Amino acid sequence: MNRHMIRPAFLWVVLVVCTLLAQPAAADPITLRAGINLDFLDGKHETGGGAARITFIPLPLVDADARFRRTSLHLEGLPSVTFGYGNGSIEGASSTRLSLFTGTLRHYLTGSFYVGVGQTLYNQRTAYNVLQQTTPFRTLSQESRVTGARFEAGLDRPISSSTHMRIVVALNPVMHGVQYSTVATAVRACSFNSATPAPASCPLTELADPERASQADISITFAKHLHHGELVYGLRYLDYVSHYSEVNQPGDGLLADRNVGVMPVIGWRVKL
């Protein structure tokens, strides 16, 4: 993990620890909630090699909140999931494995409005089918870890006796990471075929390309209080874009990855 990743993560951990240590020993009880959502991603995945349509891929996200008076800690995670591209137009790409973690410390300025600061971390690995590629260098896989500070503003207020409305507007203005690509550097020597797509004698090279990214994450959800918990439903919009950032190199500024889409949300939350 490079220094761009370590510094914001370290500052976020220090902020959380200092906030928790500052609370009085004998205080109001801490409210704990946890839930699981299915976010059905519908949108577009784009790289320098083309674009592919993504149609309602279910992403199982888990979340948890710990609130004390006007301060809360919100955690959200996506366990590692894999989805394919079918006959998409990204040259050679067959599937992507993705995981996500977000942690945010929120402070309520009023009873319903809050601001927050935290950290987002993405891990992804894309596998490629070399038989579908036409470039001189055949890519076998690409993987990256990207992280950056997250800033939020949110509204959490009741709209009836049994329903809460939650609006979250979040921005990661700058994220950093490195993309590692495994490529075959001598196509003729590799003798690619369907039985042996990457022979043991095939010369392979790993390339490291720094990335710079940003993300907008906006959601509006409703929580309907039922007998044993809350039924959560709504919409979420996500726009993530990254570019290669190797200064003074031919690829500097070229598109590395973009994911944009709208996600219908359905889930269940309980008070612990």
Protein backbone atom coordinates (compact mmCIF):
# COMPACT_ATOMS: atom_id res chain seq x y z
CA MET A 1 0.00 0.00 0.00
CA ASN A 2 1.58 3.34 -1.01
CA ARG A 3 1.72 6.55 1.04
CA HIS A 4 -1.41 7.96 -0.65
CA MET A 5 -3.39 5.07 0.84
CA ILE A 6 -1.75 4.98 4.28
CA ARG A 7 -2.07 8.66 5.22
CA PRO A 8 -5.85 9.14 4.89
CA ALA A 9 -6.57 5.72 6.41
CA PHE A 10 -4.33 6.52 9.39
CA LEU A 11 -5.94 9.94 9.94
CA TRP A 12 -9.41 8.38 9.81
CA VAL A 13 -8.49 5.76 12.44
CA VAL A 14 -7.03 8.46 14.71
CA LEU A 15 -10.19 10.54 14.37
CA VAL A 16 -12.44 7.62 15.33
CA VAL A 17 -10.30 6.63 18.32
CA CYS A 18 -10.12 10.20 19.63
CA THR A 19 -13.87 10.62 19.34
CA LEU A 20 -14.61 7.40 21.23
CA LEU A 21 -12.06 8.18 23.97
CA ALA A 22 -13.57 11.64 24.44
CA GLN A 23 -16.96 10.23 25.48
CA PRO A 24 -17.81 10.23 29.21
CA ALA A 25 -17.50 6.91 31.00
CA ALA A 26 -21.04 7.09 32.36
CA ALA A 27 -23.09 8.21 29.39
CA ASP A 28 -26.20 7.60 27.37
CA PRO A 29 -26.41 4.13 25.86
CA ILE A 30 -24.93 3.49 22.43
CA THR A 31 -27.51 2.59 19.77
CA LEU A 32 -26.45 -0.27 17.51
CA ARG A 33 -28.05 -1.22 14.19
CA ALA A 34 -27.07 -3.65 11.46
CA GLY A 35 -28.52 -4.60 8.11
CA ILE A 36 -28.10 -6.23 4.75
CA ASN A 37 -29.13 -4.77 1.39
CA LEU A 38 -29.32 -6.01 -2.16
CA ASP A 39 -28.29 -3.20 -4.51
CA PHE A 40 -29.18 -4.14 -8.09
CA LEU A 41 -26.53 -2.42 -10.22
CA ASP A 42 -27.77 -1.30 -13.63
CA GLY A 43 -25.37 0.78 -15.68
CA LYS A 44 -22.14 0.74 -17.65
CA HIS A 45 -18.60 -0.47 -17.07
CA GLU A 46 -16.00 1.23 -19.26
CA THR A 47 -12.25 0.86 -19.72
CA GLY A 48 -9.71 1.91 -22.32
CA GLY A 49 -10.60 -1.30 -24.17
CA GLY A 50 -14.31 -0.55 -24.57
CA ALA A 51 -17.56 -0.60 -22.62
CA ALA A 52 -19.99 -3.23 -21.36
CA ARG A 53 -23.58 -2.95 -20.21
CA ILE A 54 -24.31 -4.17 -16.68
CA THR A 55 -27.94 -5.17 -16.08
CA PHE A 56 -29.30 -5.43 -12.54
CA ILE A 57 -26.40 -7.32 -10.98
CA PRO A 58 -27.31 -8.00 -7.30
CA LEU A 59 -24.64 -6.70 -4.91
CA PRO A 60 -25.08 -7.89 -1.28
CA LEU A 61 -23.96 -5.05 1.00
CA VAL A 62 -23.83 -5.29 4.77
CA ASP A 63 -23.82 -2.23 7.03
CA ALA A 64 -23.69 -1.33 10.70
CA ASP A 65 -24.15 1.83 12.77
CA ALA A 66 -23.07 2.69 16.30
CA ARG A 67 -24.55 5.99 17.50
CA PHE A 68 -23.82 7.88 20.71
CA ARG A 69 -25.68 11.16 21.19
CA ARG A 70 -24.82 13.27 18.08
CA THR A 71 -21.99 11.07 16.81
CA SER A 72 -22.23 7.81 14.88
CA LEU A 73 -19.87 5.40 13.17
CA HIS A 74 -21.20 3.91 9.92
CA LEU A 75 -19.58 0.87 8.30
CA GLU A 76 -20.51 -0.65 4.93
CA GLY A 77 -18.97 -3.58 3.11
CA LEU A 78 -19.38 -5.61 -0.05
CA PRO A 79 -18.02 -9.16 0.29
CA SER A 80 -16.05 -10.36 -2.70
CA VAL A 81 -18.46 -11.00 -5.58
CA THR A 82 -17.79 -11.99 -9.19
CA PHE A 83 -19.82 -10.99 -12.22
CA GLY A 84 -19.32 -11.60 -15.93
CA TYR A 85 -19.63 -9.42 -19.02
CA GLY A 86 -21.25 -11.87 -21.42
CA ASN A 87 -20.82 -10.56 -24.95
CA GLY A 88 -19.82 -7.05 -23.86
CA SER A 89 -17.53 -4.94 -25.98
CA ILE A 90 -14.58 -4.76 -23.57
CA GLU A 91 -11.91 -6.59 -25.52
CA GLY A 92 -11.14 -9.92 -23.90
CA ALA A 93 -12.68 -9.15 -20.47
CA SER A 94 -14.60 -12.13 -19.10
CA SER A 95 -15.32 -11.39 -15.42
CA THR A 96 -14.55 -9.05 -12.52
CA ARG A 97 -14.24 -9.85 -8.82
CA LEU A 98 -15.04 -6.84 -6.64
CA SER A 99 -15.08 -6.02 -2.93
CA LEU A 100 -15.67 -2.75 -1.08
CA PHE A 101 -15.29 -1.27 2.40
CA THR A 102 -16.42 2.15 3.61
CA GLY A 103 -16.14 3.59 7.11
CA THR A 104 -17.56 7.03 7.99
CA LEU A 105 -17.68 9.02 11.21
CA ARG A 106 -20.84 11.15 11.23
CA HIS A 107 -21.78 14.12 13.40
CA TYR A 108 -25.37 15.35 13.62
CA LEU A 109 -25.56 19.15 13.49
CA THR A 110 -29.30 19.00 14.19
CA GLY A 111 -31.62 16.16 15.07
CA SER A 112 -31.75 14.98 11.45
CA PHE A 113 -28.91 16.61 9.45
CA TYR A 114 -25.33 15.35 9.65
CA VAL A 115 -21.92 15.67 8.03
CA GLY A 116 -19.34 12.90 7.88
CA VAL A 117 -15.77 12.04 6.96
CA GLY A 118 -14.32 8.60 6.32
CA GLN A 119 -12.51 6.28 3.96
CA THR A 120 -13.42 4.09 0.97
CA LEU A 121 -11.44 1.07 -0.20
CA TYR A 122 -11.99 -0.90 -3.43
CA ASN A 123 -10.37 -4.19 -4.42
CA GLN A 124 -10.97 -5.61 -7.89
CA ARG A 125 -9.55 -8.25 -10.20
CA THR A 126 -10.57 -8.65 -13.85
CA ALA A 127 -9.85 -11.84 -15.77
CA TYR A 128 -9.38 -11.77 -19.55
CA ASN A 129 -9.82 -14.31 -22.33
CA VAL A 130 -6.67 -14.02 -24.45
CA LEU A 131 -8.36 -15.70 -27.43
CA GLN A 132 -10.64 -12.66 -27.80
CA GLN A 133 -7.79 -10.13 -27.90
CA THR A 134 -6.10 -8.75 -31.00
CA THR A 135 -3.41 -6.55 -29.47
CA PRO A 136 0.31 -7.54 -29.62
CA PHE A 137 0.37 -7.90 -25.82
CA ARG A 138 -2.30 -10.24 -24.45
CA THR A 139 -3.60 -9.37 -20.97
CA LEU A 140 -4.33 -12.32 -18.67
CA SER A 141 -5.53 -10.34 -15.65
CA GLN A 142 -5.66 -6.90 -14.05
CA GLU A 143 -6.08 -6.16 -10.37
CA SER A 144 -6.04 -3.00 -8.30
CA ARG A 145 -6.65 -1.53 -4.87
CA VAL A 146 -7.92 2.05 -4.77
CA THR A 147 -8.65 4.13 -1.66
CA GLY A 148 -9.41 7.70 -0.70
CA ALA A 149 -11.13 10.01 1.79
CA ARG A 150 -14.93 10.17 1.74
CA PHE A 151 -17.00 13.24 2.65
CA GLU A 152 -20.73 13.05 3.37
CA ALA A 153 -23.77 15.17 4.04
CA GLY A 154 -26.96 13.43 5.03
CA LEU A 155 -30.53 13.83 6.19
CA ASP A 156 -32.32 11.27 8.36
CA ARG A 157 -35.81 12.32 9.36
CA PRO A 158 -39.25 10.79 9.93
CA ILE A 159 -41.92 11.39 7.31
CA SER A 160 -44.60 9.47 9.21
CA SER A 161 -45.02 7.64 12.49
CA SER A 162 -43.48 4.47 11.03
CA THR A 163 -41.23 5.62 8.15
CA HIS A 164 -37.86 7.40 8.01
CA MET A 165 -36.39 9.03 4.92
CA ARG A 166 -32.61 8.95 4.52
CA ILE A 167 -30.70 11.00 1.95
CA VAL A 168 -26.91 10.67 1.64
CA VAL A 169 -24.69 12.71 -0.68
CA ALA A 170 -21.08 11.48 -0.60
CA LEU A 171 -17.96 12.42 -2.55
CA ASN A 172 -14.48 10.94 -2.78
CA PRO A 173 -12.73 13.82 -4.57
CA VAL A 174 -9.33 12.09 -4.81
CA MET A 175 -8.53 8.37 -4.61
CA HIS A 176 -5.20 6.68 -5.33
CA GLY A 177 -4.16 3.17 -6.21
CA VAL A 178 -2.04 0.95 -8.43
CA GLN A 179 -3.25 -1.37 -11.18
CA TYR A 180 -1.19 -4.53 -11.71
CA SER A 181 -1.52 -6.18 -15.12
CA THR A 182 -0.22 -9.63 -16.05
CA VAL A 183 0.49 -9.71 -19.78
CA ALA A 184 2.00 -12.15 -22.28
CA THR A 185 4.86 -10.33 -23.97
CA ALA A 186 5.61 -12.74 -26.82
CA VAL A 187 2.37 -13.86 -28.43
CA ARG A 188 3.92 -16.17 -31.02
CA ALA A 189 5.89 -18.07 -28.38
CA CYS A 190 2.76 -18.60 -26.31
CA SER A 191 0.76 -20.58 -28.91
CA PHE A 192 -2.59 -19.60 -27.37
CA ASN A 193 -5.47 -21.99 -27.87
CA SER A 194 -8.64 -22.95 -26.05
CA ALA A 195 -7.01 -25.91 -24.28
CA THR A 196 -3.92 -24.04 -23.03
CA PRO A 197 -4.69 -20.31 -22.95
CA ALA A 198 -1.48 -19.59 -21.02
CA PRO A 199 1.23 -22.25 -21.54
CA ALA A 200 3.91 -22.63 -18.89
CA SER A 201 6.53 -21.56 -21.43
CA CYS A 202 4.69 -18.32 -22.19
CA PRO A 203 6.78 -15.26 -21.18
CA LEU A 204 4.73 -13.18 -18.73
CA THR A 205 5.32 -9.68 -17.40
CA GLU A 206 3.64 -7.79 -14.56
CA LEU A 207 3.08 -4.10 -15.16
CA ALA A 208 2.30 -1.57 -12.41
CA ASP A 209 0.32 1.54 -13.38
CA PRO A 210 -0.59 4.21 -10.78
CA GLU A 211 -4.22 5.37 -10.84
CA ARG A 212 -6.04 8.49 -9.68
CA ALA A 213 -9.81 8.27 -9.17
CA SER A 214 -12.89 10.05 -7.85
CA GLN A 215 -16.40 8.95 -6.92
CA ALA A 216 -19.88 10.37 -6.35
CA ASP A 217 -22.34 8.29 -4.31
CA ILE A 218 -25.90 9.57 -3.82
CA SER A 219 -28.81 7.67 -2.30
CA ILE A 220 -32.35 8.16 -1.07
CA THR A 221 -33.90 5.35 0.95
CA PHE A 222 -36.93 4.82 3.13
CA ALA A 223 -37.02 2.69 6.25
CA LYS A 224 -40.43 1.28 7.15
CA HIS A 225 -40.58 0.19 10.77
CA LEU A 226 -42.13 -3.24 11.18
CA HIS A 227 -42.50 -5.51 14.19
CA HIS A 228 -39.00 -7.03 14.17
CA GLY A 229 -36.98 -4.43 12.26
CA GLU A 230 -36.98 -2.05 9.32
CA LEU A 231 -37.74 -2.71 5.67
CA VAL A 232 -35.35 -0.55 3.61
CA TYR A 233 -36.00 0.41 0.00
CA GLY A 234 -34.94 3.19 -2.38
CA LEU A 235 -32.45 4.21 -5.08
CA ARG A 236 -28.70 4.76 -5.20
CA TYR A 237 -26.57 6.46 -7.88
CA LEU A 238 -22.87 5.73 -8.26
CA ASP A 239 -20.31 7.34 -10.56
CA TYR A 240 -16.71 6.10 -10.21
CA VAL A 241 -13.98 7.09 -12.65
CA SER A 242 -10.21 6.51 -12.62
CA HIS A 243 -7.36 7.49 -14.93
CA TYR A 244 -3.75 6.41 -15.18
CA SER A 245 -1.53 8.90 -13.39
CA GLU A 246 2.06 8.01 -14.28
CA VAL A 247 3.48 11.47 -14.88
CA ASN A 248 5.34 12.12 -18.14
CA GLN A 249 4.47 8.69 -19.50
CA PRO A 250 2.48 7.95 -22.72
CA GLY A 251 -0.49 6.58 -20.79
CA ASP A 252 -0.81 9.48 -18.34
CA GLY A 253 -4.41 10.69 -18.18
CA LEU A 254 -5.92 7.81 -20.16
CA LEU A 255 -9.10 6.21 -18.85
CA ALA A 256 -8.46 3.22 -16.61
CA ASP A 257 -11.95 2.43 -15.37
CA ARG A 258 -15.40 3.97 -15.11
CA ASN A 259 -18.50 2.53 -13.46
CA VAL A 260 -21.72 4.50 -13.53
CA GLY A 261 -25.22 3.31 -12.77
CA VAL A 262 -28.41 3.43 -10.74
CA MET A 263 -29.17 0.79 -8.12
CA PRO A 264 -32.63 -0.07 -6.79
CA VAL A 265 -32.15 -0.97 -3.12
CA ILE A 266 -34.04 -3.45 -0.95
CA GLY A 267 -32.91 -4.53 2.49
CA TRP A 268 -33.58 -5.25 6.15
CA ARG A 269 -32.17 -3.55 9.27
CA VAL A 270 -32.46 -4.52 12.93
CA LYS A 271 -31.66 -2.81 16.22
CA LEU A 272 -29.15 -4.80 18.26
